[in-house]
Amino acid sequence: MVNKRQIAKKAIMATPIGAKIKLLKILLICLVISFFMIPVLMIMLFAPTGNQDEHGEMSCKGGDVENNGIAVFEKNAKGGALEGKTEDIVKISKKHDVPPNLFLAIVASESQWGKGVNATKQKNPLSVMGAGTIHDSSFPTIDKGLEAGAKNLQDLYISEGLDTPKKIGPKYAPTEGATNDPTGMNNNWIPTVERIMKQLSGSEATCESSTKGKKMKFNGKLPKWSNDNPGKGNLYTAGQCTWYAFGIRQKMGKPVSTYWHDAHKWNDRAKSEGYKVNEKPEPGALFIAEQSAGGHDSHYGHVAVVIGVSDGGKKFRISEMNWEGEYKVNERDLTMTEGYSFIHDKE
């Protein structure tokens, strides 16, 4: 028996109109597939990978400021941008796990108790730096500036074990090579913050990392590198050896300071922050070449990451940037010579 309905349907599908109907069906199917596949692709693209930074969480106890400390801060802040903000500042410090007495003291020192231009005009009471200069675009509110300052302290200082004025000072207010301190005011930063902390009479704070006591091991394989993702808080000049060394160490779960300046200065700065520095190469350690040592740059020196050691430590292999050109990563074999040193984990 002939199915007239099917014959009519086939006849229509053979016409230009039928072709359009087919195309619309295909498009509809593609849209349905896309609707279900896009979330899956998003999960695949943004899911955590094995090459993510491995930072231990840092938590602080103590450092609370009693009523008399709050009164001291309020008295000194009167008439400035921070008047009446003391309790808010304490809340912000606790939110970002920064000891309140330390945070209040740094805020007071940096902003002249809220009366400095950085607080009254820029709303940036902690002088948060960006690209090597004080944040050019002022924060919309003083609270936003305080939040940025607390986050900066946690991410770049407290999380690295720098939790006292003496430990924070050399990095936060360096007395050497600081382009924003022509009059040498940074020399007074540590004693000033310590003096204000005593005025506030806060309890003593202790900060501990979840990785404390655990030596981070390097398995010999470097994480994948991308010039588009040079590491969180990387303030070194893009494309240079320092920029790569900072970023790759962070990705290895062995972060170092973003304020160690030129490569040949890294070993001394690292030693002052408690890192073990010697002339013994070790996989995962930072290799430092002094100015002109081994044919390296006569002004900046050089820094790289050790990825292998042989011949009883007399020879070693490094991964580096800017030996073959800016932004270029390469590997080289070197032989120990005078002027070479290595930065290991903290002692």
C-alpha atoms as a PDB file:
ATOM      1  CA  MET A   1       0.000   0.000   0.000  1.00  0.00           C
ATOM      2  CA  VAL A   2       1.380   3.416  -1.006  1.00  0.00           C
ATOM      3  CA  ASN A   3       1.902   5.890   1.843  1.00  0.00           C
ATOM      4  CA  LYS A   4       0.845   9.180   0.287  1.00  0.00           C
ATOM      5  CA  ARG A   5       2.019  11.109   3.318  1.00  0.00           C
ATOM      6  CA  GLN A   6       5.611   9.847   2.973  1.00  0.00           C
ATOM      7  CA  ILE A   7       5.624  10.540  -0.778  1.00  0.00           C
ATOM      8  CA  ALA A   8       4.474  14.115  -0.183  1.00  0.00           C
ATOM      9  CA  LYS A   9       7.125  14.605   2.536  1.00  0.00           C
ATOM     10  CA  LYS A  10       9.901  13.354   0.211  1.00  0.00           C
ATOM     11  CA  ALA A  11       8.681  15.661  -2.546  1.00  0.00           C
ATOM     12  CA  ILE A  12       8.843  18.694  -0.252  1.00  0.00           C
ATOM     13  CA  MET A  13      12.318  17.795   1.065  1.00  0.00           C
ATOM     14  CA  ALA A  14      13.597  17.643  -2.519  1.00  0.00           C
ATOM     15  CA  THR A  15      12.676  21.306  -3.099  1.00  0.00           C
ATOM     16  CA  PRO A  16      14.782  24.387  -2.034  1.00  0.00           C
ATOM     17  CA  ILE A  17      12.403  24.801   0.902  1.00  0.00           C
ATOM     18  CA  GLY A  18      13.154  21.235   1.946  1.00  0.00           C
ATOM     19  CA  ALA A  19      16.897  21.941   1.821  1.00  0.00           C
ATOM     20  CA  LYS A  20      16.391  24.890   4.170  1.00  0.00           C
ATOM     21  CA  ILE A  21      14.408  22.697   6.568  1.00  0.00           C
ATOM     22  CA  LYS A  22      17.292  20.208   6.617  1.00  0.00           C
ATOM     23  CA  LEU A  23      19.775  23.007   7.359  1.00  0.00           C
ATOM     24  CA  LEU A  24      17.617  24.330  10.187  1.00  0.00           C
ATOM     25  CA  LYS A  25      17.451  20.845  11.712  1.00  0.00           C
ATOM     26  CA  ILE A  26      21.250  20.523  11.580  1.00  0.00           C
ATOM     27  CA  LEU A  27      21.687  23.949  13.198  1.00  0.00           C
ATOM     28  CA  LEU A  28      19.196  23.051  15.929  1.00  0.00           C
ATOM     29  CA  ILE A  29      21.079  19.825  16.692  1.00  0.00           C
ATOM     30  CA  CYS A  30      24.388  21.764  16.861  1.00  0.00           C
ATOM     31  CA  LEU A  31      22.875  24.294  19.266  1.00  0.00           C
ATOM     32  CA  VAL A  32      21.605  21.541  21.556  1.00  0.00           C
ATOM     33  CA  ILE A  33      25.026  19.825  21.576  1.00  0.00           C
ATOM     34  CA  SER A  34      26.759  23.146  22.270  1.00  0.00           C
ATOM     35  CA  PHE A  35      24.421  23.868  25.178  1.00  0.00           C
ATOM     36  CA  PHE A  36      25.540  20.690  26.926  1.00  0.00           C
ATOM     37  CA  MET A  37      29.187  20.680  25.810  1.00  0.00           C
ATOM     38  CA  ILE A  38      30.208  24.255  26.703  1.00  0.00           C
ATOM     39  CA  PRO A  39      29.991  23.717  30.508  1.00  0.00           C
ATOM     40  CA  VAL A  40      32.047  20.530  30.102  1.00  0.00           C
ATOM     41  CA  LEU A  41      34.697  22.380  28.089  1.00  0.00           C
ATOM     42  CA  MET A  42      34.767  25.211  30.656  1.00  0.00           C
ATOM     43  CA  ILE A  43      35.409  22.701  33.432  1.00  0.00           C
ATOM     44  CA  MET A  44      38.189  21.076  31.407  1.00  0.00           C
ATOM     45  CA  LEU A  45      39.838  24.400  30.601  1.00  0.00           C
ATOM     46  CA  PHE A  46      39.742  25.880  34.073  1.00  0.00           C
ATOM     47  CA  ALA A  47      40.055  22.807  36.258  1.00  0.00           C
ATOM     48  CA  PRO A  48      43.119  22.761  38.546  1.00  0.00           C
ATOM     49  CA  THR A  49      46.192  21.093  37.048  1.00  0.00           C
ATOM     50  CA  GLY A  50      49.275  19.513  38.530  1.00  0.00           C
ATOM     51  CA  ASN A  51      51.351  22.583  37.634  1.00  0.00           C
ATOM     52  CA  GLN A  52      49.500  24.991  39.915  1.00  0.00           C
ATOM     53  CA  ASP A  53      51.421  26.926  42.542  1.00  0.00           C
ATOM     54  CA  GLU A  54      51.800  24.990  45.769  1.00  0.00           C
ATOM     55  CA  HIS A  55      51.716  27.521  48.577  1.00  0.00           C
ATOM     56  CA  GLY A  56      51.126  26.502  52.157  1.00  0.00           C
ATOM     57  CA  GLU A  57      48.424  28.410  53.981  1.00  0.00           C
ATOM     58  CA  MET A  58      49.676  30.853  56.597  1.00  0.00           C
ATOM     59  CA  SER A  59      47.570  31.457  59.694  1.00  0.00           C
ATOM     60  CA  CYS A  60      48.341  33.944  62.454  1.00  0.00           C
ATOM     61  CA  LYS A  61      47.336  33.908  66.107  1.00  0.00           C
ATOM     62  CA  GLY A  62      47.481  36.838  68.509  1.00  0.00           C
ATOM     63  CA  GLY A  63      48.389  40.417  67.664  1.00  0.00           C
ATOM     64  CA  ASP A  64      45.014  41.633  68.941  1.00  0.00           C
ATOM     65  CA  VAL A  65      44.749  45.276  69.984  1.00  0.00           C
ATOM     66  CA  GLU A  66      42.817  46.105  73.153  1.00  0.00           C
ATOM     67  CA  ASN A  67      40.665  49.209  73.737  1.00  0.00           C
ATOM     68  CA  ASN A  68      43.638  51.284  74.877  1.00  0.00           C
ATOM     69  CA  GLY A  69      45.448  50.518  71.591  1.00  0.00           C
ATOM     70  CA  ILE A  70      42.364  51.488  69.581  1.00  0.00           C
ATOM     71  CA  ALA A  71      42.176  54.734  71.572  1.00  0.00           C
ATOM     72  CA  VAL A  72      45.832  55.476  70.784  1.00  0.00           C
ATOM     73  CA  PHE A  73      45.243  54.963  67.068  1.00  0.00           C
ATOM     74  CA  GLU A  74      42.069  57.080  67.075  1.00  0.00           C
ATOM     75  CA  LYS A  75      43.816  59.906  68.902  1.00  0.00           C
ATOM     76  CA  ASN A  76      46.620  60.056  66.357  1.00  0.00           C
ATOM     77  CA  ALA A  77      44.304  59.561  63.373  1.00  0.00           C
ATOM     78  CA  LYS A  78      41.995  62.429  64.308  1.00  0.00           C
ATOM     79  CA  GLY A  79      41.490  64.840  61.426  1.00  0.00           C
ATOM     80  CA  GLY A  80      42.776  62.428  58.787  1.00  0.00           C
ATOM     81  CA  ALA A  81      41.321  59.916  56.347  1.00  0.00           C
ATOM     82  CA  LEU A  82      41.435  57.134  58.971  1.00  0.00           C
ATOM     83  CA  GLU A  83      39.574  58.909  61.784  1.00  0.00           C
ATOM     84  CA  GLY A  84      36.901  56.574  63.161  1.00  0.00           C
ATOM     85  CA  LYS A  85      38.184  53.672  61.054  1.00  0.00           C
ATOM     86  CA  THR A  86      40.257  51.770  63.626  1.00  0.00           C
ATOM     87  CA  GLU A  87      37.789  48.944  64.248  1.00  0.00           C
ATOM     88  CA  ASP A  88      37.222  48.584  60.493  1.00  0.00           C
ATOM     89  CA  ILE A  89      40.987  48.340  59.975  1.00  0.00           C
ATOM     90  CA  VAL A  90      41.186  45.580  62.598  1.00  0.00           C
ATOM     91  CA  LYS A  91      38.381  43.657  60.842  1.00  0.00           C
ATOM     92  CA  ILE A  92      40.156  43.965  57.492  1.00  0.00           C
ATOM     93  CA  SER A  93      43.427  42.733  58.988  1.00  0.00           C
ATOM     94  CA  LYS A  94      41.728  39.666  60.489  1.00  0.00           C
ATOM     95  CA  LYS A  95      39.917  38.965  57.222  1.00  0.00           C
ATOM     96  CA  HIS A  96      43.284  38.668  55.471  1.00  0.00           C
ATOM     97  CA  ASP A  97      45.005  36.941  58.402  1.00  0.00           C
ATOM     98  CA  VAL A  98      47.423  39.771  59.181  1.00  0.00           C
ATOM     99  CA  PRO A  99      48.117  40.469  62.905  1.00  0.00           C
ATOM    100  CA  PRO A 100      46.043  43.589  63.764  1.00  0.00           C
ATOM    101  CA  ASN A 101      48.782  45.379  65.745  1.00  0.00           C
ATOM    102  CA  LEU A 102      51.259  44.847  62.899  1.00  0.00           C
ATOM    103  CA  PHE A 103      48.744  46.011  60.297  1.00  0.00           C
ATOM    104  CA  LEU A 104      47.721  49.100  62.263  1.00  0.00           C
ATOM    105  CA  ALA A 105      51.364  50.032  62.832  1.00  0.00           C
ATOM    106  CA  ILE A 106      52.251  49.724  59.130  1.00  0.00           C
ATOM    107  CA  VAL A 107      49.139  51.697  58.154  1.00  0.00           C
ATOM    108  CA  ALA A 108      50.068  54.437  60.627  1.00  0.00           C
ATOM    109  CA  SER A 109      53.689  54.559  59.491  1.00  0.00           C
ATOM    110  CA  GLU A 110      52.939  54.504  55.762  1.00  0.00           C
ATOM    111  CA  SER A 111      50.119  57.061  55.837  1.00  0.00           C
ATOM    112  CA  GLN A 112      51.255  59.337  58.708  1.00  0.00           C
ATOM    113  CA  TRP A 113      48.244  58.164  60.721  1.00  0.00           C
ATOM    114  CA  GLY A 114      45.971  58.714  57.712  1.00  0.00           C
ATOM    115  CA  LYS A 115      47.074  62.299  57.091  1.00  0.00           C
ATOM    116  CA  GLY A 116      49.497  61.646  54.224  1.00  0.00           C
ATOM    117  CA  VAL A 117      48.612  62.304  50.580  1.00  0.00           C
ATOM    118  CA  ASN A 118      48.539  58.556  49.889  1.00  0.00           C
ATOM    119  CA  ALA A 119      45.599  58.276  52.317  1.00  0.00           C
ATOM    120  CA  THR A 120      43.777  61.586  51.842  1.00  0.00           C
ATOM    121  CA  LYS A 121      44.059  61.782  48.058  1.00  0.00           C
ATOM    122  CA  GLN A 122      44.945  58.342  46.680  1.00  0.00           C
ATOM    123  CA  LYS A 123      43.006  56.317  49.259  1.00  0.00           C
ATOM    124  CA  ASN A 124      46.077  54.071  49.297  1.00  0.00           C
ATOM    125  CA  PRO A 125      47.236  54.241  52.944  1.00  0.00           C
ATOM    126  CA  LEU A 126      49.733  51.368  52.623  1.00  0.00           C
ATOM    127  CA  SER A 127      51.285  52.720  49.404  1.00  0.00           C
ATOM    128  CA  VAL A 128      50.519  49.513  47.504  1.00  0.00           C
ATOM    129  CA  MET A 129      52.970  49.261  44.627  1.00  0.00           C
ATOM    130  CA  GLY A 130      52.133  48.487  41.038  1.00  0.00           C
ATOM    131  CA  ALA A 131      54.718  48.003  38.282  1.00  0.00           C
ATOM    132  CA  GLY A 132      57.395  49.498  40.533  1.00  0.00           C
ATOM    133  CA  THR A 133      55.568  52.713  41.468  1.00  0.00           C
ATOM    134  CA  ILE A 134      52.867  53.661  43.967  1.00  0.00           C
ATOM    135  CA  HIS A 135      49.467  52.741  42.562  1.00  0.00           C
ATOM    136  CA  ASP A 136      48.761  55.555  40.050  1.00  0.00           C
ATOM    137  CA  SER A 137      44.988  55.168  39.878  1.00  0.00           C
ATOM    138  CA  SER A 138      43.701  56.011  43.324  1.00  0.00           C
ATOM    139  CA  PHE A 139      41.422  53.509  45.039  1.00  0.00           C
ATOM    140  CA  PRO A 140      37.745  54.562  45.017  1.00  0.00           C
ATOM    141  CA  THR A 141      37.489  54.381  48.824  1.00  0.00           C
ATOM    142  CA  ILE A 142      39.842  54.192  51.788  1.00  0.00           C
ATOM    143  CA  ASP A 143      38.397  50.750  52.621  1.00  0.00           C
ATOM    144  CA  LYS A 144      39.364  49.462  49.151  1.00  0.00           C
ATOM    145  CA  GLY A 145      42.887  50.766  49.704  1.00  0.00           C
ATOM    146  CA  LEU A 146      43.077  49.069  53.113  1.00  0.00           C
ATOM    147  CA  GLU A 147      41.807  45.794  51.626  1.00  0.00           C
ATOM    148  CA  ALA A 148      44.472  45.940  48.904  1.00  0.00           C
ATOM    149  CA  GLY A 149      47.163  46.670  51.490  1.00  0.00           C
ATOM    150  CA  ALA A 150      46.130  43.769  53.741  1.00  0.00           C
ATOM    151  CA  LYS A 151      45.948  41.348  50.809  1.00  0.00           C
ATOM    152  CA  ASN A 152      49.374  42.526  49.640  1.00  0.00           C
ATOM    153  CA  LEU A 153      50.867  41.891  53.096  1.00  0.00           C
ATOM    154  CA  GLN A 154      49.372  38.399  53.283  1.00  0.00           C
ATOM    155  CA  ASP A 155      50.240  37.333  49.732  1.00  0.00           C
ATOM    156  CA  LEU A 156      53.773  38.725  49.491  1.00  0.00           C
ATOM    157  CA  TYR A 157      54.976  38.815  53.110  1.00  0.00           C
ATOM    158  CA  ILE A 158      53.060  36.828  55.737  1.00  0.00           C
ATOM    159  CA  SER A 159      52.683  33.824  53.401  1.00  0.00           C
ATOM    160  CA  GLU A 160      56.474  33.826  52.959  1.00  0.00           C
ATOM    161  CA  GLY A 161      57.119  33.854  56.705  1.00  0.00           C
ATOM    162  CA  LEU A 162      57.814  37.609  56.865  1.00  0.00           C
ATOM    163  CA  ASP A 163      55.656  38.444  59.868  1.00  0.00           C
ATOM    164  CA  THR A 164      57.605  41.022  61.916  1.00  0.00           C
ATOM    165  CA  PRO A 165      58.848  44.541  61.089  1.00  0.00           C
ATOM    166  CA  LYS A 166      62.459  43.281  60.973  1.00  0.00           C
ATOM    167  CA  LYS A 167      61.554  40.580  58.445  1.00  0.00           C
ATOM    168  CA  ILE A 168      59.174  42.725  56.411  1.00  0.00           C
ATOM    169  CA  GLY A 169      61.290  45.899  56.278  1.00  0.00           C
ATOM    170  CA  PRO A 170      64.066  44.835  53.861  1.00  0.00           C
ATOM    171  CA  LYS A 171      61.446  43.842  51.280  1.00  0.00           C
ATOM    172  CA  TYR A 172      58.683  46.396  51.977  1.00  0.00           C
ATOM    173  CA  ALA A 173      60.976  49.382  52.444  1.00  0.00           C
ATOM    174  CA  PRO A 174      64.388  48.402  51.025  1.00  0.00           C
ATOM    175  CA  THR A 175      67.241  50.715  51.926  1.00  0.00           C
ATOM    176  CA  GLU A 176      69.147  49.710  48.782  1.00  0.00           C
ATOM    177  CA  GLY A 177      68.082  50.220  45.173  1.00  0.00           C
ATOM    178  CA  ALA A 178      64.697  51.779  46.040  1.00  0.00           C
ATOM    179  CA  THR A 179      63.865  54.279  43.271  1.00  0.00           C
ATOM    180  CA  ASN A 180      61.005  55.788  45.310  1.00  0.00           C
ATOM    181  CA  ASP A 181      63.164  56.655  48.351  1.00  0.00           C
ATOM    182  CA  PRO A 182      65.633  59.368  47.260  1.00  0.00           C
ATOM    183  CA  THR A 183      65.970  60.835  50.778  1.00  0.00           C
ATOM    184  CA  GLY A 184      66.630  57.524  52.556  1.00  0.00           C
ATOM    185  CA  MET A 185      63.455  57.530  54.671  1.00  0.00           C
ATOM    186  CA  ASN A 186      63.271  53.730  54.445  1.00  0.00           C
ATOM    187  CA  ASN A 187      66.120  53.574  56.970  1.00  0.00           C
ATOM    188  CA  ASN A 188      63.573  54.553  59.636  1.00  0.00           C
ATOM    189  CA  TRP A 189      60.832  52.142  58.548  1.00  0.00           C
ATOM    190  CA  ILE A 190      61.591  49.235  60.920  1.00  0.00           C
ATOM    191  CA  PRO A 191      62.149  51.297  64.118  1.00  0.00           C
ATOM    192  CA  THR A 192      59.076  53.424  63.353  1.00  0.00           C
ATOM    193  CA  VAL A 193      56.747  50.434  62.886  1.00  0.00           C
ATOM    194  CA  GLU A 194      58.164  48.745  66.002  1.00  0.00           C
ATOM    195  CA  ARG A 195      57.659  51.913  68.047  1.00  0.00           C
ATOM    196  CA  ILE A 196      54.026  52.246  66.923  1.00  0.00           C
ATOM    197  CA  MET A 197      53.381  48.580  67.735  1.00  0.00           C
ATOM    198  CA  LYS A 198      54.582  49.223  71.289  1.00  0.00           C
ATOM    199  CA  GLN A 199      52.259  52.244  71.531  1.00  0.00           C
ATOM    200  CA  LEU A 200      49.317  50.065  70.493  1.00  0.00           C
ATOM    201  CA  SER A 201      50.279  47.417  73.087  1.00  0.00           C
ATOM    202  CA  GLY A 202      48.894  44.500  71.096  1.00  0.00           C
ATOM    203  CA  SER A 203      49.480  40.893  72.104  1.00  0.00           C
ATOM    204  CA  GLU A 204      52.361  39.029  70.481  1.00  0.00           C
ATOM    205  CA  ALA A 205      51.432  37.300  67.229  1.00  0.00           C
ATOM    206  CA  THR A 206      52.668  33.980  65.862  1.00  0.00           C
ATOM    207  CA  CYS A 207      52.189  32.938  62.235  1.00  0.00           C
ATOM    208  CA  GLU A 208      52.622  29.382  61.006  1.00  0.00           C
ATOM    209  CA  SER A 209      52.436  27.835  57.547  1.00  0.00           C
ATOM    210  CA  SER A 210      50.815  24.493  56.813  1.00  0.00           C
ATOM    211  CA  THR A 211      54.098  23.565  55.120  1.00  0.00           C
ATOM    212  CA  LYS A 212      56.240  24.463  58.151  1.00  0.00           C
ATOM    213  CA  GLY A 213      58.763  21.737  58.877  1.00  0.00           C
ATOM    214  CA  LYS A 214      58.215  20.124  55.482  1.00  0.00           C
ATOM    215  CA  LYS A 215      61.062  20.529  53.020  1.00  0.00           C
ATOM    216  CA  MET A 216      59.612  21.013  49.578  1.00  0.00           C
ATOM    217  CA  LYS A 217      61.160  18.522  47.172  1.00  0.00           C
ATOM    218  CA  PHE A 218      61.905  19.030  43.490  1.00  0.00           C
ATOM    219  CA  ASN A 219      61.350  15.944  41.338  1.00  0.00           C
ATOM    220  CA  GLY A 220      63.602  17.168  38.543  1.00  0.00           C
ATOM    221  CA  LYS A 221      60.789  18.190  36.204  1.00  0.00           C
ATOM    222  CA  LEU A 222      59.948  21.878  35.876  1.00  0.00           C
ATOM    223  CA  PRO A 223      56.310  23.010  35.613  1.00  0.00           C
ATOM    224  CA  LYS A 224      55.118  24.177  32.210  1.00  0.00           C
ATOM    225  CA  TRP A 225      56.143  27.781  31.553  1.00  0.00           C
ATOM    226  CA  SER A 226      54.078  30.466  29.797  1.00  0.00           C
ATOM    227  CA  ASN A 227      55.142  34.074  29.230  1.00  0.00           C
ATOM    228  CA  ASP A 228      51.478  34.984  29.684  1.00  0.00           C
ATOM    229  CA  ASN A 229      51.499  33.643  33.262  1.00  0.00           C
ATOM    230  CA  PRO A 230      54.809  34.651  34.915  1.00  0.00           C
ATOM    231  CA  GLY A 231      53.656  34.066  38.501  1.00  0.00           C
ATOM    232  CA  LYS A 232      51.569  35.973  40.996  1.00  0.00           C
ATOM    233  CA  GLY A 233      53.041  39.313  42.115  1.00  0.00           C
ATOM    234  CA  ASN A 234      55.968  39.165  39.676  1.00  0.00           C
ATOM    235  CA  LEU A 235      57.415  42.707  39.625  1.00  0.00           C
ATOM    236  CA  TYR A 236      60.684  41.872  37.864  1.00  0.00           C
ATOM    237  CA  THR A 237      61.306  43.210  34.344  1.00  0.00           C
ATOM    238  CA  ALA A 238      59.437  41.023  31.863  1.00  0.00           C
ATOM    239  CA  GLY A 239      61.564  38.805  29.652  1.00  0.00           C
ATOM    240  CA  GLN A 240      64.609  38.912  31.936  1.00  0.00           C
ATOM    241  CA  CYS A 241      66.315  36.130  33.905  1.00  0.00           C
ATOM    242  CA  THR A 242      64.953  37.429  37.225  1.00  0.00           C
ATOM    243  CA  TRP A 243      61.379  37.475  35.854  1.00  0.00           C
ATOM    244  CA  TYR A 244      61.626  33.827  34.825  1.00  0.00           C
ATOM    245  CA  ALA A 245      63.452  32.658  37.964  1.00  0.00           C
ATOM    246  CA  PHE A 246      60.840  34.241  40.258  1.00  0.00           C
ATOM    247  CA  GLY A 247      57.930  32.830  38.239  1.00  0.00           C
ATOM    248  CA  ILE A 248      59.227  29.298  37.775  1.00  0.00           C
ATOM    249  CA  ARG A 249      60.190  28.955  41.455  1.00  0.00           C
ATOM    250  CA  GLN A 250      56.684  30.035  42.421  1.00  0.00           C
ATOM    251  CA  LYS A 251      55.190  27.424  40.106  1.00  0.00           C
ATOM    252  CA  MET A 252      57.516  24.828  41.672  1.00  0.00           C
ATOM    253  CA  GLY A 253      56.004  25.607  45.073  1.00  0.00           C
ATOM    254  CA  LYS A 254      59.278  27.222  46.195  1.00  0.00           C
ATOM    255  CA  PRO A 255      58.420  30.974  46.022  1.00  0.00           C
ATOM    256  CA  VAL A 256      60.976  33.734  46.586  1.00  0.00           C
ATOM    257  CA  SER A 257      60.765  37.501  47.007  1.00  0.00           C
ATOM    258  CA  THR A 258      59.768  39.815  44.187  1.00  0.00           C
ATOM    259  CA  TYR A 259      61.994  42.535  45.681  1.00  0.00           C
ATOM    260  CA  TRP A 260      65.503  41.067  45.433  1.00  0.00           C
ATOM    261  CA  HIS A 261      66.501  43.498  42.668  1.00  0.00           C
ATOM    262  CA  ASP A 262      69.295  42.612  40.173  1.00  0.00           C
ATOM    263  CA  ALA A 263      70.326  38.952  39.851  1.00  0.00           C
ATOM    264  CA  HIS A 264      73.765  39.351  41.478  1.00  0.00           C
ATOM    265  CA  LYS A 265      72.083  40.722  44.632  1.00  0.00           C
ATOM    266  CA  TRP A 266      69.779  37.749  45.103  1.00  0.00           C
ATOM    267  CA  ASN A 267      72.144  35.616  47.198  1.00  0.00           C
ATOM    268  CA  ASP A 268      72.742  38.335  49.815  1.00  0.00           C
ATOM    269  CA  ARG A 269      69.065  39.269  49.985  1.00  0.00           C
ATOM    270  CA  ALA A 270      68.062  35.620  50.269  1.00  0.00           C
ATOM    271  CA  LYS A 271      70.548  35.031  53.095  1.00  0.00           C
ATOM    272  CA  SER A 272      69.143  38.023  55.018  1.00  0.00           C
ATOM    273  CA  GLU A 273      65.661  36.459  54.745  1.00  0.00           C
ATOM    274  CA  GLY A 274      66.782  33.096  56.140  1.00  0.00           C
ATOM    275  CA  TYR A 275      67.496  31.104  52.985  1.00  0.00           C
ATOM    276  CA  LYS A 276      70.433  28.708  52.872  1.00  0.00           C
ATOM    277  CA  VAL A 277      73.062  30.046  50.448  1.00  0.00           C
ATOM    278  CA  ASN A 278      76.257  28.167  49.532  1.00  0.00           C
ATOM    279  CA  GLU A 279      78.411  26.982  46.612  1.00  0.00           C
ATOM    280  CA  LYS A 280      76.816  23.542  46.300  1.00  0.00           C
ATOM    281  CA  PRO A 281      74.446  23.055  43.337  1.00  0.00           C
ATOM    282  CA  GLU A 282      71.264  21.119  44.011  1.00  0.00           C
ATOM    283  CA  PRO A 283      68.271  20.395  41.730  1.00  0.00           C
ATOM    284  CA  GLY A 284      65.597  23.024  42.383  1.00  0.00           C
ATOM    285  CA  ALA A 285      68.021  25.586  43.834  1.00  0.00           C
ATOM    286  CA  LEU A 286      68.541  29.008  42.288  1.00  0.00           C
ATOM    287  CA  PHE A 287      71.866  29.537  40.534  1.00  0.00           C
ATOM    288  CA  ILE A 288      73.435  32.990  40.970  1.00  0.00           C
ATOM    289  CA  ALA A 289      76.312  34.358  38.907  1.00  0.00           C
ATOM    290  CA  GLU A 290      78.029  37.470  40.232  1.00  0.00           C
ATOM    291  CA  GLN A 291      78.827  40.303  37.800  1.00  0.00           C
ATOM    292  CA  SER A 292      81.044  38.933  34.976  1.00  0.00           C
ATOM    293  CA  ALA A 293      81.422  35.538  36.702  1.00  0.00           C
ATOM    294  CA  GLY A 294      81.733  32.760  34.133  1.00  0.00           C
ATOM    295  CA  GLY A 295      81.145  35.216  31.306  1.00  0.00           C
ATOM    296  CA  HIS A 296      77.755  36.389  32.569  1.00  0.00           C
ATOM    297  CA  ASP A 297      76.509  39.984  32.466  1.00  0.00           C
ATOM    298  CA  SER A 298      78.975  42.480  33.956  1.00  0.00           C
ATOM    299  CA  HIS A 299      76.241  44.705  35.382  1.00  0.00           C
ATOM    300  CA  TYR A 300      73.289  42.500  36.406  1.00  0.00           C
ATOM    301  CA  GLY A 301      74.893  39.089  36.870  1.00  0.00           C
ATOM    302  CA  HIS A 302      72.555  36.170  36.176  1.00  0.00           C
ATOM    303  CA  VAL A 303      70.004  33.889  37.865  1.00  0.00           C
ATOM    304  CA  ALA A 304      68.578  30.539  36.778  1.00  0.00           C
ATOM    305  CA  VAL A 305      67.155  27.307  38.223  1.00  0.00           C
ATOM    306  CA  VAL A 306      69.302  24.201  38.666  1.00  0.00           C
ATOM    307  CA  ILE A 307      67.689  21.146  37.069  1.00  0.00           C
ATOM    308  CA  GLY A 308      70.525  18.638  37.326  1.00  0.00           C
ATOM    309  CA  VAL A 309      73.919  18.030  38.966  1.00  0.00           C
ATOM    310  CA  SER A 310      76.820  15.795  37.906  1.00  0.00           C
ATOM    311  CA  ASP A 311      80.504  15.069  38.546  1.00  0.00           C
ATOM    312  CA  GLY A 312      80.119  15.410  42.314  1.00  0.00           C
ATOM    313  CA  GLY A 313      78.698  18.916  42.075  1.00  0.00           C
ATOM    314  CA  LYS A 314      81.410  20.266  39.764  1.00  0.00           C
ATOM    315  CA  LYS A 315      78.971  20.423  36.867  1.00  0.00           C
ATOM    316  CA  PHE A 316      75.303  21.312  36.770  1.00  0.00           C
ATOM    317  CA  ARG A 317      72.499  22.012  34.290  1.00  0.00           C
ATOM    318  CA  ILE A 318      70.256  25.069  34.457  1.00  0.00           C
ATOM    319  CA  SER A 319      66.978  26.330  33.022  1.00  0.00           C
ATOM    320  CA  GLU A 320      67.080  30.064  32.309  1.00  0.00           C
ATOM    321  CA  MET A 321      65.690  33.025  30.392  1.00  0.00           C
ATOM    322  CA  ASN A 322      67.372  35.781  28.371  1.00  0.00           C
ATOM    323  CA  TRP A 323      70.613  33.935  27.638  1.00  0.00           C
ATOM    324  CA  GLU A 324      69.533  33.414  24.041  1.00  0.00           C
ATOM    325  CA  GLY A 325      67.258  36.457  24.002  1.00  0.00           C
ATOM    326  CA  GLU A 326      64.420  38.102  25.943  1.00  0.00           C
ATOM    327  CA  TYR A 327      61.467  35.831  26.779  1.00  0.00           C
ATOM    328  CA  LYS A 328      63.376  32.780  25.480  1.00  0.00           C
ATOM    329  CA  VAL A 329      63.757  29.818  27.855  1.00  0.00           C
ATOM    330  CA  ASN A 330      66.679  27.452  27.315  1.00  0.00           C
ATOM    331  CA  GLU A 331      68.876  24.933  29.148  1.00  0.00           C
ATOM    332  CA  ARG A 332      72.676  24.958  29.568  1.00  0.00           C
ATOM    333  CA  ASP A 333      75.419  22.918  31.208  1.00  0.00           C
ATOM    334  CA  LEU A 334      77.847  24.843  33.424  1.00  0.00           C
ATOM    335  CA  THR A 335      81.012  24.063  35.384  1.00  0.00           C
ATOM    336  CA  MET A 336      81.560  25.493  38.853  1.00  0.00           C
ATOM    337  CA  THR A 337      83.765  28.568  38.947  1.00  0.00           C
ATOM    338  CA  GLU A 338      84.466  31.532  41.204  1.00  0.00           C
ATOM    339  CA  GLY A 339      81.501  33.852  41.601  1.00  0.00           C
ATOM    340  CA  TYR A 340      78.821  31.140  41.437  1.00  0.00           C
ATOM    341  CA  SER A 341      76.479  30.440  44.377  1.00  0.00           C
ATOM    342  CA  PHE A 342      73.152  28.729  45.028  1.00  0.00           C
ATOM    343  CA  ILE A 343      70.014  29.655  46.951  1.00  0.00           C
ATOM    344  CA  HIS A 344      68.281  26.663  48.576  1.00  0.00           C
ATOM    345  CA  ASP A 345      65.205  26.480  50.837  1.00  0.00           C
ATOM    346  CA  LYS A 346      64.927  28.422  54.072  1.00  0.00           C
ATOM    347  CA  GLU A 347      66.971  26.984  56.937  1.00  0.00           C
END
